[in-house]
């Protein structure tokens, strides 16, 4: 299957209201970063998650937000929560979004070594 803006909207529903033009820009960026031949039959899925990661990073930056990584602790009044961040994500910008983490997990199934 060829990944299109419609594919991104269907799979990553949080981007359903993003224009096709905007999605295509980040889809093109992702295609330049992903070697489809190396990824084989998982290339489309990797491309979807990488595009989602780039879109999410852009949306966070545009809103003035965007943390350096996933939240490790948060508090509201006397209630607090902490989240363990997996070691495999700690040194990677991909760990900052759910789509980046999915991309990394998928990459582990494609590449036997830790070469990311």
N, C-alpha and C. Protein backbone atom coordinates (compact mmCIF):
# COMPACT_ATOMS: atom_id res chain seq x y z
N UNK A 1 0.84 -1.17 0.00
CA UNK A 1 0.00 0.00 0.00
C UNK A 1 0.88 1.23 0.00
N UNK A 2 0.45 2.25 -0.64
CA UNK A 2 1.14 3.54 -0.59
C UNK A 2 0.54 4.37 0.53
N UNK A 3 1.41 4.94 1.36
CA UNK A 3 0.93 5.77 2.46
C UNK A 3 0.58 7.15 1.92
N UNK A 4 -0.61 7.61 2.21
CA UNK A 4 -1.10 8.91 1.76
C UNK A 4 -1.59 9.69 2.98
N UNK A 5 -1.88 10.97 2.80
CA UNK A 5 -2.49 11.71 3.91
C UNK A 5 -3.77 11.06 4.43
N UNK A 6 -4.55 10.47 3.52
CA UNK A 6 -5.77 9.78 3.95
C UNK A 6 -5.44 8.59 4.85
N UNK A 7 -4.36 7.87 4.55
CA UNK A 7 -3.92 6.76 5.38
C UNK A 7 -3.56 7.25 6.77
N UNK A 8 -2.80 8.33 6.82
CA UNK A 8 -2.38 8.90 8.12
C UNK A 8 -3.62 9.28 8.92
N UNK A 9 -4.57 9.94 8.30
CA UNK A 9 -5.80 10.35 9.00
C UNK A 9 -6.59 9.15 9.50
N UNK A 10 -6.62 8.08 8.73
CA UNK A 10 -7.38 6.88 9.10
C UNK A 10 -6.73 6.14 10.27
N UNK A 11 -5.42 6.00 10.21
CA UNK A 11 -4.70 5.23 11.24
C UNK A 11 -4.45 6.07 12.49
N UNK A 12 -4.03 7.29 12.31
CA UNK A 12 -3.70 8.19 13.43
C UNK A 12 -4.81 9.24 13.52
N UNK A 13 -5.90 8.86 14.12
CA UNK A 13 -7.12 9.67 14.07
C UNK A 13 -6.99 11.05 14.69
N UNK A 14 -5.99 11.28 15.53
CA UNK A 14 -5.84 12.62 16.10
C UNK A 14 -5.48 13.66 15.03
N UNK A 15 -5.05 13.18 13.86
CA UNK A 15 -4.70 14.08 12.77
C UNK A 15 -5.81 14.17 11.71
N UNK A 16 -6.98 13.71 12.04
CA UNK A 16 -8.10 13.71 11.10
C UNK A 16 -8.45 15.10 10.59
N UNK A 17 -8.23 16.13 11.40
CA UNK A 17 -8.58 17.49 11.00
C UNK A 17 -7.41 18.27 10.41
N UNK A 18 -6.25 17.63 10.30
CA UNK A 18 -5.07 18.29 9.72
C UNK A 18 -5.20 18.24 8.20
N UNK A 19 -4.84 19.32 7.55
CA UNK A 19 -4.99 19.38 6.09
C UNK A 19 -4.10 18.34 5.41
N UNK A 20 -4.57 17.86 4.27
CA UNK A 20 -3.82 16.88 3.49
C UNK A 20 -2.46 17.46 3.07
N UNK A 21 -2.43 18.74 2.78
CA UNK A 21 -1.18 19.39 2.38
C UNK A 21 -0.17 19.33 3.50
N UNK A 22 -0.61 19.65 4.72
CA UNK A 22 0.30 19.64 5.88
C UNK A 22 0.79 18.22 6.16
N UNK A 23 -0.11 17.26 6.12
CA UNK A 23 0.29 15.87 6.34
C UNK A 23 1.29 15.44 5.27
N UNK A 24 1.05 15.83 4.02
CA UNK A 24 1.95 15.44 2.93
C UNK A 24 3.35 15.99 3.15
N UNK A 25 3.46 17.20 3.67
CA UNK A 25 4.78 17.78 3.95
C UNK A 25 5.57 16.87 4.88
N UNK A 26 4.93 16.45 5.98
CA UNK A 26 5.63 15.62 6.96
C UNK A 26 5.78 14.19 6.48
N UNK A 27 4.88 13.72 5.65
CA UNK A 27 5.02 12.41 5.03
C UNK A 27 6.24 12.40 4.11
N UNK A 28 6.43 13.47 3.37
CA UNK A 28 7.61 13.59 2.51
C UNK A 28 8.90 13.60 3.35
N UNK A 29 8.89 14.34 4.46
CA UNK A 29 10.06 14.36 5.36
C UNK A 29 10.36 12.95 5.86
N UNK A 30 9.33 12.24 6.28
CA UNK A 30 9.49 10.89 6.81
C UNK A 30 10.02 9.94 5.74
N UNK A 31 9.52 10.06 4.52
CA UNK A 31 9.99 9.20 3.43
C UNK A 31 11.48 9.39 3.16
N UNK A 32 11.97 10.61 3.36
CA UNK A 32 13.39 10.89 3.16
C UNK A 32 14.25 10.27 4.26
N UNK A 33 13.65 10.00 5.42
CA UNK A 33 14.40 9.46 6.56
C UNK A 33 14.32 7.95 6.68
N UNK A 34 13.41 7.33 5.99
CA UNK A 34 13.18 5.90 6.13
C UNK A 34 13.58 5.17 4.85
N UNK A 35 14.46 4.20 4.96
CA UNK A 35 14.89 3.41 3.82
C UNK A 35 13.89 2.27 3.64
N UNK A 36 12.97 2.43 2.70
CA UNK A 36 11.90 1.46 2.50
C UNK A 36 12.43 0.07 2.15
N UNK A 37 13.52 0.01 1.41
CA UNK A 37 14.09 -1.29 1.05
C UNK A 37 14.58 -2.02 2.29
N UNK A 38 15.23 -1.31 3.19
CA UNK A 38 15.73 -1.93 4.43
C UNK A 38 14.58 -2.37 5.33
N UNK A 39 13.49 -1.60 5.35
CA UNK A 39 12.35 -1.91 6.21
C UNK A 39 11.47 -3.01 5.64
N UNK A 40 11.59 -3.27 4.35
CA UNK A 40 10.82 -4.35 3.73
C UNK A 40 9.32 -4.17 3.88
N UNK A 41 8.63 -5.26 4.27
CA UNK A 41 7.17 -5.21 4.35
C UNK A 41 6.65 -4.40 5.54
N UNK A 42 7.52 -3.87 6.36
CA UNK A 42 7.10 -3.02 7.48
C UNK A 42 7.33 -1.54 7.19
N UNK A 43 7.74 -1.22 5.97
CA UNK A 43 8.06 0.17 5.61
C UNK A 43 6.86 1.09 5.74
N UNK A 44 5.70 0.67 5.28
CA UNK A 44 4.52 1.54 5.37
C UNK A 44 4.15 1.83 6.81
N UNK A 45 4.19 0.81 7.65
CA UNK A 45 3.86 1.02 9.06
C UNK A 45 4.89 1.95 9.72
N UNK A 46 6.16 1.76 9.41
CA UNK A 46 7.20 2.65 9.93
C UNK A 46 6.99 4.07 9.46
N UNK A 47 6.62 4.21 8.20
CA UNK A 47 6.37 5.54 7.63
C UNK A 47 5.19 6.23 8.30
N UNK A 48 4.15 5.48 8.60
CA UNK A 48 2.98 6.04 9.29
C UNK A 48 3.38 6.57 10.67
N UNK A 49 4.09 5.75 11.45
CA UNK A 49 4.47 6.16 12.80
C UNK A 49 5.49 7.30 12.78
N UNK A 50 6.42 7.27 11.84
CA UNK A 50 7.40 8.35 11.75
C UNK A 50 6.72 9.66 11.37
N UNK A 51 5.78 9.60 10.44
CA UNK A 51 5.02 10.79 10.05
C UNK A 51 4.22 11.31 11.24
N UNK A 52 3.57 10.41 11.97
CA UNK A 52 2.82 10.82 13.16
C UNK A 52 3.72 11.49 14.18
N UNK A 53 4.91 10.95 14.36
CA UNK A 53 5.87 11.55 15.30
C UNK A 53 6.23 12.97 14.87
N UNK A 54 6.53 13.15 13.61
CA UNK A 54 6.89 14.48 13.10
C UNK A 54 5.72 15.46 13.22
N UNK A 55 4.52 15.00 12.91
CA UNK A 55 3.33 15.86 13.04
C UNK A 55 3.10 16.25 14.50
N UNK A 56 3.27 15.31 15.40
CA UNK A 56 3.06 15.57 16.83
C UNK A 56 4.08 16.57 17.35
N UNK A 57 5.34 16.39 16.99
CA UNK A 57 6.40 17.33 17.40
C UNK A 57 6.08 18.73 16.88
N UNK A 58 5.66 18.81 15.63
CA UNK A 58 5.32 20.11 15.03
C UNK A 58 4.14 20.76 15.75
N UNK A 59 3.11 19.98 16.05
CA UNK A 59 1.93 20.51 16.73
C UNK A 59 2.30 21.02 18.13
N UNK A 60 3.14 20.29 18.83
CA UNK A 60 3.57 20.72 20.17
C UNK A 60 4.38 22.00 20.09
N UNK A 61 5.26 22.09 19.11
CA UNK A 61 6.07 23.30 18.95
C UNK A 61 5.20 24.50 18.60
N UNK A 62 4.22 24.28 17.73
CA UNK A 62 3.33 25.37 17.32
C UNK A 62 2.47 25.89 18.46
N UNK A 63 2.15 25.01 19.40
CA UNK A 63 1.31 25.42 20.52
C UNK A 63 2.13 26.01 21.67
N UNK A 64 3.43 26.07 21.47
CA UNK A 64 4.30 26.61 22.51
C UNK A 64 4.65 25.59 23.56
N UNK A 65 4.19 24.37 23.36
CA UNK A 65 4.50 23.30 24.32
C UNK A 65 5.63 22.46 23.81
N UNK A 66 5.56 21.22 24.13
CA UNK A 66 6.58 20.30 23.65
C UNK A 66 7.67 20.13 24.66
N UNK A 67 7.56 19.12 25.45
CA UNK A 67 8.59 18.83 26.44
C UNK A 67 9.78 18.18 25.75
N UNK A 68 10.88 18.11 26.46
CA UNK A 68 12.07 17.47 25.92
C UNK A 68 11.89 15.96 25.82
N UNK A 69 10.94 15.42 26.51
CA UNK A 69 10.72 13.98 26.48
C UNK A 69 9.39 13.67 27.13
N UNK A 70 9.08 12.38 27.30
CA UNK A 70 7.82 12.02 27.95
C UNK A 70 7.79 12.45 29.40
N UNK A 71 6.61 12.71 29.91
CA UNK A 71 6.46 13.14 31.29
C UNK A 71 6.90 12.01 32.21
N UNK A 72 7.74 12.34 33.19
CA UNK A 72 8.16 11.32 34.14
C UNK A 72 7.47 11.49 35.48
N UNK A 73 6.88 12.67 35.71
CA UNK A 73 6.11 12.90 36.94
C UNK A 73 5.23 14.11 36.73
N UNK A 74 4.05 14.10 37.36
CA UNK A 74 3.16 15.26 37.31
C UNK A 74 2.33 15.30 38.58
N UNK A 75 1.95 16.50 38.98
CA UNK A 75 1.15 16.68 40.19
C UNK A 75 0.04 17.67 39.94
N UNK A 76 -1.12 17.40 40.55
CA UNK A 76 -2.24 18.31 40.55
C UNK A 76 -2.75 18.31 41.99
N UNK A 77 -2.52 19.41 42.68
CA UNK A 77 -2.88 19.44 44.09
C UNK A 77 -2.07 18.41 44.85
N UNK A 78 -2.76 17.57 45.60
CA UNK A 78 -2.06 16.54 46.37
C UNK A 78 -1.96 15.20 45.64
N UNK A 79 -2.44 15.17 44.40
CA UNK A 79 -2.39 13.94 43.62
C UNK A 79 -1.20 14.03 42.66
N UNK A 80 -0.40 12.97 42.65
CA UNK A 80 0.74 12.96 41.72
C UNK A 80 0.84 11.60 41.06
N UNK A 81 1.47 11.60 39.90
CA UNK A 81 1.68 10.36 39.16
C UNK A 81 3.06 10.40 38.53
N UNK A 82 3.69 9.25 38.45
CA UNK A 82 5.00 9.12 37.80
C UNK A 82 4.90 8.02 36.76
N UNK A 83 5.67 8.19 35.71
CA UNK A 83 5.67 7.22 34.64
C UNK A 83 7.09 6.77 34.39
N UNK A 84 7.29 5.47 34.32
CA UNK A 84 8.61 4.96 34.04
C UNK A 84 8.87 5.10 32.55
N UNK A 85 10.03 5.63 32.22
CA UNK A 85 10.41 5.78 30.82
C UNK A 85 11.39 4.67 30.51
N UNK A 86 11.05 3.85 29.54
CA UNK A 86 11.92 2.73 29.19
C UNK A 86 13.30 3.20 28.78
N UNK A 87 14.30 2.44 29.16
CA UNK A 87 15.68 2.80 28.87
C UNK A 87 15.94 2.97 27.37
N UNK A 88 15.26 2.17 26.57
CA UNK A 88 15.49 2.25 25.13
C UNK A 88 15.04 3.58 24.55
N UNK A 89 14.20 4.32 25.27
CA UNK A 89 13.71 5.60 24.77
C UNK A 89 14.43 6.80 25.40
N UNK A 90 15.17 6.57 26.46
CA UNK A 90 15.72 7.66 27.25
C UNK A 90 16.63 8.59 26.45
N UNK A 91 17.41 8.05 25.53
CA UNK A 91 18.37 8.86 24.79
C UNK A 91 17.90 9.23 23.39
N UNK A 92 16.64 9.10 23.14
CA UNK A 92 16.15 9.31 21.79
C UNK A 92 15.04 10.34 21.75
N UNK A 93 15.07 11.22 20.76
CA UNK A 93 13.98 12.17 20.59
C UNK A 93 12.69 11.45 20.24
N UNK A 94 12.80 10.23 19.72
CA UNK A 94 11.60 9.47 19.39
C UNK A 94 10.79 9.11 20.64
N UNK A 95 11.43 9.10 21.79
CA UNK A 95 10.74 8.80 23.04
C UNK A 95 9.79 9.89 23.47
N UNK A 96 9.82 11.02 22.80
CA UNK A 96 8.99 12.16 23.22
C UNK A 96 7.55 12.07 22.75
N UNK A 97 7.23 11.13 21.85
CA UNK A 97 5.84 10.97 21.40
C UNK A 97 5.48 9.50 21.36
N UNK A 98 4.20 9.22 21.47
CA UNK A 98 3.74 7.84 21.39
C UNK A 98 4.06 7.24 20.02
N UNK A 99 4.00 8.05 18.98
CA UNK A 99 4.27 7.55 17.63
C UNK A 99 5.76 7.27 17.45
N UNK A 100 6.59 8.09 18.04
CA UNK A 100 8.04 7.85 18.00
C UNK A 100 8.40 6.57 18.73
N UNK A 101 7.75 6.33 19.86
CA UNK A 101 8.01 5.09 20.60
C UNK A 101 7.53 3.88 19.81
N UNK A 102 6.40 3.98 19.14
CA UNK A 102 5.92 2.88 18.30
C UNK A 102 6.89 2.63 17.14
N UNK A 103 7.38 3.72 16.57
CA UNK A 103 8.36 3.62 15.49
C UNK A 103 9.61 2.86 15.95
N UNK A 104 10.12 3.22 17.13
CA UNK A 104 11.30 2.54 17.66
C UNK A 104 11.03 1.07 17.93
N UNK A 105 9.88 0.76 18.49
CA UNK A 105 9.54 -0.64 18.76
C UNK A 105 9.47 -1.43 17.46
N UNK A 106 8.88 -0.84 16.45
CA UNK A 106 8.80 -1.50 15.15
C UNK A 106 10.19 -1.67 14.56
N UNK A 107 11.03 -0.65 14.69
CA UNK A 107 12.39 -0.72 14.16
C UNK A 107 13.16 -1.88 14.79
N UNK A 108 12.89 -2.16 16.04
CA UNK A 108 13.57 -3.30 16.69
C UNK A 108 13.21 -4.62 16.04
N UNK A 109 12.03 -4.71 15.46
CA UNK A 109 11.64 -5.95 14.78
C UNK A 109 12.21 -6.03 13.38
N UNK A 110 12.65 -4.90 12.86
CA UNK A 110 13.20 -4.85 11.51
C UNK A 110 14.72 -5.07 11.54
N UNK A 111 15.37 -4.44 12.50
CA UNK A 111 16.83 -4.47 12.59
C UNK A 111 17.24 -5.26 13.84
N UNK A 112 18.03 -6.27 13.66
CA UNK A 112 18.41 -7.14 14.77
C UNK A 112 19.34 -6.45 15.76
N UNK A 113 20.16 -5.55 15.32
CA UNK A 113 21.11 -4.88 16.23
C UNK A 113 20.51 -3.57 16.72
N UNK A 114 21.12 -3.00 17.77
CA UNK A 114 20.69 -1.69 18.26
C UNK A 114 21.46 -0.64 17.48
N UNK A 115 21.08 -0.43 16.25
CA UNK A 115 21.83 0.48 15.39
C UNK A 115 21.07 1.78 15.13
N UNK A 116 20.07 2.08 15.94
CA UNK A 116 19.31 3.32 15.75
C UNK A 116 19.92 4.43 16.53
